[in-house]
Amino acid sequence: MFDCFGAGQQLTQVTFGGRTWRESPELAGQQFAVLPVMRQLHEVLWYLTEALALPTAARLHDEVRTALARTERLTGGTAGELAALDVGAYRAEIGELLGRVSDVVRSTPGPELTGRDLMGKDLRRRDLRGASLRGAYLIGADLRGVDLGAADLLGADLRAADVRGALLGKCLFLTQPQLEAARGDARTVISSAVRRPAHWGSP
């Protein structure tokens, strides 16, 4: 399932004034080029909105609000402005702020596993509460029944990760596309900020 975080609607309705490449084929190249940029900006909005809702990160909320407002302004730019934006550098800048938010929230940090290759690993006996799993490769990892507490999952690859019965309700920066890519079930605990994937079954 592809989730654009609302970027497609913004692109069509705002950036291109309600026109789409289907009705105006000459716009196809421009719209396809700008959509990935808009999607990344909308993903950043998702993370910043979550950060603003974390009471324990209150001392950073002013910075988060400033970043949120700046990101919203960027999403309102023209197609040319969006195409010229170095979205990778911008994400890295926001990532530094989100990293500080994560450090504050995870006051008792768990294992440092940022960017680690954990593909196919059996992690059921690991204490991952408060772990930094940013950008970690968890493809096919066995996380059945694991309590991830306030683990930071920003950018973690959860494709085919087995999260049946796992406790994900307090994880940081867990998005809908990550859940859709994972294998959960009716016992998997998630937060109210995301939807239970249909293929997981009802709780």
C-alpha atoms as a PDB file:
ATOM      1  CA  MET A   1       0.000   0.000   0.000  1.00  0.00           C
ATOM      2  CA  PHE A   2       1.322   3.434  -0.981  1.00  0.00           C
ATOM      3  CA  ASP A   3       0.680   6.208   1.532  1.00  0.00           C
ATOM      4  CA  CYS A   4       1.621   9.700   0.393  1.00  0.00           C
ATOM      5  CA  PHE A   5       0.674  11.377   3.727  1.00  0.00           C
ATOM      6  CA  GLY A   6      -1.757  13.626   1.820  1.00  0.00           C
ATOM      7  CA  ALA A   7       0.918  14.892  -0.569  1.00  0.00           C
ATOM      8  CA  GLY A   8      -1.011  13.906  -3.692  1.00  0.00           C
ATOM      9  CA  GLN A   9      -4.026  15.987  -2.754  1.00  0.00           C
ATOM     10  CA  GLN A  10      -1.844  18.989  -1.854  1.00  0.00           C
ATOM     11  CA  LEU A  11       0.010  18.704  -5.137  1.00  0.00           C
ATOM     12  CA  THR A  12      -3.135  18.515  -7.225  1.00  0.00           C
ATOM     13  CA  GLN A  13      -5.315  21.025  -5.411  1.00  0.00           C
ATOM     14  CA  VAL A  14      -2.729  23.627  -4.381  1.00  0.00           C
ATOM     15  CA  THR A  15       0.465  23.335  -6.417  1.00  0.00           C
ATOM     16  CA  PHE A  16      -1.306  22.742  -9.724  1.00  0.00           C
ATOM     17  CA  GLY A  17      -4.593  24.455  -8.960  1.00  0.00           C
ATOM     18  CA  GLY A  18      -6.806  21.402  -9.353  1.00  0.00           C
ATOM     19  CA  ARG A  19      -5.231  20.176 -12.588  1.00  0.00           C
ATOM     20  CA  THR A  20      -3.887  16.643 -12.967  1.00  0.00           C
ATOM     21  CA  TRP A  21      -1.750  14.961 -15.582  1.00  0.00           C
ATOM     22  CA  ARG A  22      -4.725  12.855 -16.636  1.00  0.00           C
ATOM     23  CA  GLU A  23      -6.646  15.886 -17.859  1.00  0.00           C
ATOM     24  CA  SER A  24      -3.522  17.827 -18.824  1.00  0.00           C
ATOM     25  CA  PRO A  25      -0.898  15.290 -20.030  1.00  0.00           C
ATOM     26  CA  GLU A  26       1.660  18.051 -20.506  1.00  0.00           C
ATOM     27  CA  LEU A  27       1.875  18.316 -16.694  1.00  0.00           C
ATOM     28  CA  ALA A  28       2.847  14.673 -16.201  1.00  0.00           C
ATOM     29  CA  GLY A  29       6.604  15.133 -16.129  1.00  0.00           C
ATOM     30  CA  GLN A  30       6.443  18.048 -13.730  1.00  0.00           C
ATOM     31  CA  GLN A  31       3.934  16.424 -11.397  1.00  0.00           C
ATOM     32  CA  PHE A  32       5.792  13.112 -11.255  1.00  0.00           C
ATOM     33  CA  ALA A  33       9.036  14.972 -10.499  1.00  0.00           C
ATOM     34  CA  VAL A  34       7.556  17.056  -7.700  1.00  0.00           C
ATOM     35  CA  LEU A  35       5.406  14.392  -6.005  1.00  0.00           C
ATOM     36  CA  PRO A  36       8.341  12.656  -4.212  1.00  0.00           C
ATOM     37  CA  VAL A  37       9.449  16.026  -2.805  1.00  0.00           C
ATOM     38  CA  MET A  38       5.945  16.848  -1.594  1.00  0.00           C
ATOM     39  CA  ARG A  39       5.581  13.378  -0.103  1.00  0.00           C
ATOM     40  CA  GLN A  40       8.764  13.771   1.916  1.00  0.00           C
ATOM     41  CA  LEU A  41       7.651  17.173   3.182  1.00  0.00           C
ATOM     42  CA  HIS A  42       4.317  15.716   4.254  1.00  0.00           C
ATOM     43  CA  GLU A  43       6.101  12.864   6.006  1.00  0.00           C
ATOM     44  CA  VAL A  44       8.150  15.479   7.863  1.00  0.00           C
ATOM     45  CA  LEU A  45       4.877  17.178   8.866  1.00  0.00           C
ATOM     46  CA  TRP A  46       3.694  13.843  10.293  1.00  0.00           C
ATOM     47  CA  TYR A  47       6.820  13.477  12.429  1.00  0.00           C
ATOM     48  CA  LEU A  48       6.762  17.083  13.647  1.00  0.00           C
ATOM     49  CA  THR A  49       3.079  16.859  14.549  1.00  0.00           C
ATOM     50  CA  GLU A  50       3.819  13.751  16.596  1.00  0.00           C
ATOM     51  CA  ALA A  51       6.756  15.475  18.292  1.00  0.00           C
ATOM     52  CA  LEU A  52       4.507  18.376  19.242  1.00  0.00           C
ATOM     53  CA  ALA A  53       2.096  15.963  20.930  1.00  0.00           C
ATOM     54  CA  LEU A  54       4.790  14.494  23.213  1.00  0.00           C
ATOM     55  CA  PRO A  55       4.489  16.187  26.644  1.00  0.00           C
ATOM     56  CA  THR A  56       7.940  15.067  27.758  1.00  0.00           C
ATOM     57  CA  ALA A  57       9.494  16.988  24.853  1.00  0.00           C
ATOM     58  CA  ALA A  58       7.834  20.269  25.901  1.00  0.00           C
ATOM     59  CA  ARG A  59      11.127  22.159  26.130  1.00  0.00           C
ATOM     60  CA  LEU A  60      11.671  21.576  22.418  1.00  0.00           C
ATOM     61  CA  HIS A  61       8.143  22.413  21.318  1.00  0.00           C
ATOM     62  CA  ASP A  62       8.988  25.975  20.263  1.00  0.00           C
ATOM     63  CA  GLU A  63      11.623  24.642  17.875  1.00  0.00           C
ATOM     64  CA  VAL A  64       9.204  22.006  16.642  1.00  0.00           C
ATOM     65  CA  ARG A  65       6.494  24.621  16.000  1.00  0.00           C
ATOM     66  CA  THR A  66       8.963  26.747  14.046  1.00  0.00           C
ATOM     67  CA  ALA A  67       9.992  23.746  11.952  1.00  0.00           C
ATOM     68  CA  LEU A  68       6.357  22.785  11.424  1.00  0.00           C
ATOM     69  CA  ALA A  69       5.455  26.260  10.183  1.00  0.00           C
ATOM     70  CA  ARG A  70       8.472  26.329   7.876  1.00  0.00           C
ATOM     71  CA  THR A  71       7.591  22.938   6.435  1.00  0.00           C
ATOM     72  CA  GLU A  72       4.002  24.000   5.845  1.00  0.00           C
ATOM     73  CA  ARG A  73       5.279  27.054   3.954  1.00  0.00           C
ATOM     74  CA  LEU A  74       7.469  24.842   1.799  1.00  0.00           C
ATOM     75  CA  THR A  75       4.503  22.618   0.870  1.00  0.00           C
ATOM     76  CA  GLY A  76       2.768  25.738  -0.420  1.00  0.00           C
ATOM     77  CA  GLY A  77       5.568  26.558  -2.840  1.00  0.00           C
ATOM     78  CA  THR A  78       5.341  26.545  -6.609  1.00  0.00           C
ATOM     79  CA  ALA A  79       6.286  23.504  -8.660  1.00  0.00           C
ATOM     80  CA  GLY A  80       9.565  25.195  -9.538  1.00  0.00           C
ATOM     81  CA  GLU A  81      10.357  25.969  -5.914  1.00  0.00           C
ATOM     82  CA  LEU A  82       9.594  22.406  -4.870  1.00  0.00           C
ATOM     83  CA  ALA A  83      11.740  20.970  -7.665  1.00  0.00           C
ATOM     84  CA  ALA A  84      14.649  23.182  -6.602  1.00  0.00           C
ATOM     85  CA  LEU A  85      14.418  22.222  -2.927  1.00  0.00           C
ATOM     86  CA  ASP A  86      17.212  20.032  -1.572  1.00  0.00           C
ATOM     87  CA  VAL A  87      14.725  17.864   0.292  1.00  0.00           C
ATOM     88  CA  GLY A  88      17.424  15.442   1.459  1.00  0.00           C
ATOM     89  CA  ALA A  89      19.316  18.223   3.234  1.00  0.00           C
ATOM     90  CA  TYR A  90      16.083  19.551   4.697  1.00  0.00           C
ATOM     91  CA  ARG A  91      15.121  16.132   6.024  1.00  0.00           C
ATOM     92  CA  ALA A  92      18.564  15.803   7.606  1.00  0.00           C
ATOM     93  CA  GLU A  93      18.065  19.157   9.342  1.00  0.00           C
ATOM     94  CA  ILE A  94      14.661  18.124  10.661  1.00  0.00           C
ATOM     95  CA  GLY A  95      16.081  14.720  11.573  1.00  0.00           C
ATOM     96  CA  GLU A  96      18.550  16.381  13.923  1.00  0.00           C
ATOM     97  CA  LEU A  97      15.690  18.112  15.734  1.00  0.00           C
ATOM     98  CA  LEU A  98      13.644  14.910  15.889  1.00  0.00           C
ATOM     99  CA  GLY A  99      16.723  13.135  17.233  1.00  0.00           C
ATOM    100  CA  ARG A 100      16.843  15.563  20.132  1.00  0.00           C
ATOM    101  CA  VAL A 101      13.131  15.045  20.721  1.00  0.00           C
ATOM    102  CA  SER A 102      13.747  11.303  20.763  1.00  0.00           C
ATOM    103  CA  ASP A 103      16.626  11.634  23.241  1.00  0.00           C
ATOM    104  CA  VAL A 104      14.448  13.628  25.627  1.00  0.00           C
ATOM    105  CA  VAL A 105      11.490  11.236  25.412  1.00  0.00           C
ATOM    106  CA  ARG A 106      13.696   8.164  25.778  1.00  0.00           C
ATOM    107  CA  SER A 107      15.083   9.441  29.076  1.00  0.00           C
ATOM    108  CA  THR A 108      16.333   5.937  29.840  1.00  0.00           C
ATOM    109  CA  PRO A 109      17.635   4.934  26.405  1.00  0.00           C
ATOM    110  CA  GLY A 110      17.648   1.328  25.336  1.00  0.00           C
ATOM    111  CA  PRO A 111      20.086  -0.304  22.902  1.00  0.00           C
ATOM    112  CA  GLU A 112      21.684   1.884  20.245  1.00  0.00           C
ATOM    113  CA  LEU A 113      20.768   0.101  17.014  1.00  0.00           C
ATOM    114  CA  THR A 114      20.562   2.991  14.588  1.00  0.00           C
ATOM    115  CA  GLY A 115      21.030   1.798  11.017  1.00  0.00           C
ATOM    116  CA  ARG A 116      21.825  -1.760  12.104  1.00  0.00           C
ATOM    117  CA  ASP A 117      21.262  -4.730   9.818  1.00  0.00           C
ATOM    118  CA  LEU A 118      18.817  -6.879  11.786  1.00  0.00           C
ATOM    119  CA  MET A 119      17.237  -8.607   8.814  1.00  0.00           C
ATOM    120  CA  GLY A 120      15.720 -11.946   9.738  1.00  0.00           C
ATOM    121  CA  LYS A 121      17.004 -11.757  13.318  1.00  0.00           C
ATOM    122  CA  ASP A 122      15.108 -13.319  16.203  1.00  0.00           C
ATOM    123  CA  LEU A 123      14.742 -10.365  18.567  1.00  0.00           C
ATOM    124  CA  ARG A 124      12.212 -11.871  20.932  1.00  0.00           C
ATOM    125  CA  ARG A 125      14.691 -12.044  23.814  1.00  0.00           C
ATOM    126  CA  ARG A 126      16.058  -8.534  23.337  1.00  0.00           C
ATOM    127  CA  ASP A 127      14.948  -5.707  25.588  1.00  0.00           C
ATOM    128  CA  LEU A 128      14.099  -3.070  22.985  1.00  0.00           C
ATOM    129  CA  ARG A 129      12.263  -0.644  25.216  1.00  0.00           C
ATOM    130  CA  GLY A 130      13.602   2.829  24.460  1.00  0.00           C
ATOM    131  CA  ALA A 131      15.902   1.483  21.745  1.00  0.00           C
ATOM    132  CA  SER A 132      17.071   3.627  18.871  1.00  0.00           C
ATOM    133  CA  LEU A 133      16.093   1.668  15.773  1.00  0.00           C
ATOM    134  CA  ARG A 134      16.303   4.649  13.440  1.00  0.00           C
ATOM    135  CA  GLY A 135      16.938   3.495   9.897  1.00  0.00           C
ATOM    136  CA  ALA A 136      17.452  -0.084  11.104  1.00  0.00           C
ATOM    137  CA  TYR A 137      16.859  -2.932   8.663  1.00  0.00           C
ATOM    138  CA  LEU A 138      14.245  -5.085  10.360  1.00  0.00           C
ATOM    139  CA  ILE A 139      13.139  -6.883   7.207  1.00  0.00           C
ATOM    140  CA  GLY A 140      11.745 -10.274   8.225  1.00  0.00           C
ATOM    141  CA  ALA A 141      12.855  -9.799  11.837  1.00  0.00           C
ATOM    142  CA  ASP A 142      11.005 -11.756  14.522  1.00  0.00           C
ATOM    143  CA  LEU A 143       9.505  -9.277  16.978  1.00  0.00           C
ATOM    144  CA  ARG A 144       6.613 -11.425  18.156  1.00  0.00           C
ATOM    145  CA  GLY A 145       5.399 -10.308  21.574  1.00  0.00           C
ATOM    146  CA  VAL A 146       8.229  -7.796  21.989  1.00  0.00           C
ATOM    147  CA  ASP A 147       7.598  -4.669  24.057  1.00  0.00           C
ATOM    148  CA  LEU A 148       9.210  -1.861  22.086  1.00  0.00           C
ATOM    149  CA  GLY A 149       8.214   0.732  24.674  1.00  0.00           C
ATOM    150  CA  ALA A 150       9.353   4.170  23.480  1.00  0.00           C
ATOM    151  CA  ALA A 151      11.655   2.774  20.799  1.00  0.00           C
ATOM    152  CA  ASP A 152      12.493   5.242  18.025  1.00  0.00           C
ATOM    153  CA  LEU A 153      11.449   3.680  14.715  1.00  0.00           C
ATOM    154  CA  LEU A 154      11.989   6.656  12.440  1.00  0.00           C
ATOM    155  CA  GLY A 155      12.842   5.294   9.006  1.00  0.00           C
ATOM    156  CA  ALA A 156      13.142   1.674  10.189  1.00  0.00           C
ATOM    157  CA  ASP A 157      12.451  -0.861   7.449  1.00  0.00           C
ATOM    158  CA  LEU A 158       9.710  -3.156   8.770  1.00  0.00           C
ATOM    159  CA  ARG A 159       8.940  -5.052   5.578  1.00  0.00           C
ATOM    160  CA  ALA A 160       7.724  -8.546   6.528  1.00  0.00           C
ATOM    161  CA  ALA A 161       8.803  -7.950  10.144  1.00  0.00           C
ATOM    162  CA  ASP A 162       6.740 -10.229  12.393  1.00  0.00           C
ATOM    163  CA  VAL A 163       5.124  -7.965  14.969  1.00  0.00           C
ATOM    164  CA  ARG A 164       2.314 -10.303  15.992  1.00  0.00           C
ATOM    165  CA  GLY A 165       1.457  -9.589  19.628  1.00  0.00           C
ATOM    166  CA  ALA A 166       4.118  -6.855  19.819  1.00  0.00           C
ATOM    167  CA  LEU A 167       3.572  -3.699  21.877  1.00  0.00           C
ATOM    168  CA  LEU A 168       3.997  -0.761  19.492  1.00  0.00           C
ATOM    169  CA  GLY A 169       1.632   1.678  21.159  1.00  0.00           C
ATOM    170  CA  LYS A 170       4.328   3.956  22.570  1.00  0.00           C
ATOM    171  CA  CYS A 171       6.880   3.766  19.749  1.00  0.00           C
ATOM    172  CA  LEU A 172       8.198   7.025  18.343  1.00  0.00           C
ATOM    173  CA  PHE A 173       7.720   8.048  14.712  1.00  0.00           C
ATOM    174  CA  LEU A 174       5.977   4.862  13.563  1.00  0.00           C
ATOM    175  CA  THR A 175       4.069   5.535  10.333  1.00  0.00           C
ATOM    176  CA  GLN A 176       1.208   3.868   8.522  1.00  0.00           C
ATOM    177  CA  PRO A 177       3.380   2.607   5.636  1.00  0.00           C
ATOM    178  CA  GLN A 178       5.677   0.873   8.131  1.00  0.00           C
ATOM    179  CA  LEU A 179       2.714  -0.907   9.704  1.00  0.00           C
ATOM    180  CA  GLU A 180       1.280  -1.895   6.339  1.00  0.00           C
ATOM    181  CA  ALA A 181       4.605  -3.500   5.421  1.00  0.00           C
ATOM    182  CA  ALA A 182       4.808  -5.527   8.656  1.00  0.00           C
ATOM    183  CA  ARG A 183       3.056  -8.750   9.690  1.00  0.00           C
ATOM    184  CA  GLY A 184       0.854  -8.040  12.684  1.00  0.00           C
ATOM    185  CA  ASP A 185      -2.291  -9.559  14.121  1.00  0.00           C
ATOM    186  CA  ALA A 186      -5.265  -8.753  16.327  1.00  0.00           C
ATOM    187  CA  ARG A 187      -3.021  -8.800  19.422  1.00  0.00           C
ATOM    188  CA  THR A 188      -0.532  -6.216  18.132  1.00  0.00           C
ATOM    189  CA  VAL A 189      -0.886  -3.009  20.149  1.00  0.00           C
ATOM    190  CA  ILE A 190      -0.682   0.245  18.182  1.00  0.00           C
ATOM    191  CA  SER A 191      -1.352   3.892  18.989  1.00  0.00           C
ATOM    192  CA  SER A 192      -4.477   5.801  17.996  1.00  0.00           C
ATOM    193  CA  ALA A 193      -2.407   7.887  15.574  1.00  0.00           C
ATOM    194  CA  VAL A 194      -2.285   5.025  13.054  1.00  0.00           C
ATOM    195  CA  ARG A 195      -4.790   2.559  11.625  1.00  0.00           C
ATOM    196  CA  ARG A 196      -4.717  -1.177  12.116  1.00  0.00           C
ATOM    197  CA  PRO A 197      -3.923  -2.678   8.700  1.00  0.00           C
ATOM    198  CA  ALA A 198      -6.862  -4.649   7.333  1.00  0.00           C
ATOM    199  CA  HIS A 199      -4.738  -7.743   6.748  1.00  0.00           C
ATOM    200  CA  TRP A 200      -3.901  -7.930  10.462  1.00  0.00           C
ATOM    201  CA  GLY A 201      -7.448  -8.707  11.517  1.00  0.00           C
ATOM    202  CA  SER A 202      -9.574  -6.994  14.164  1.00  0.00           C
ATOM    203  CA  PRO A 203      -8.492  -6.697  17.821  1.00  0.00           C
END
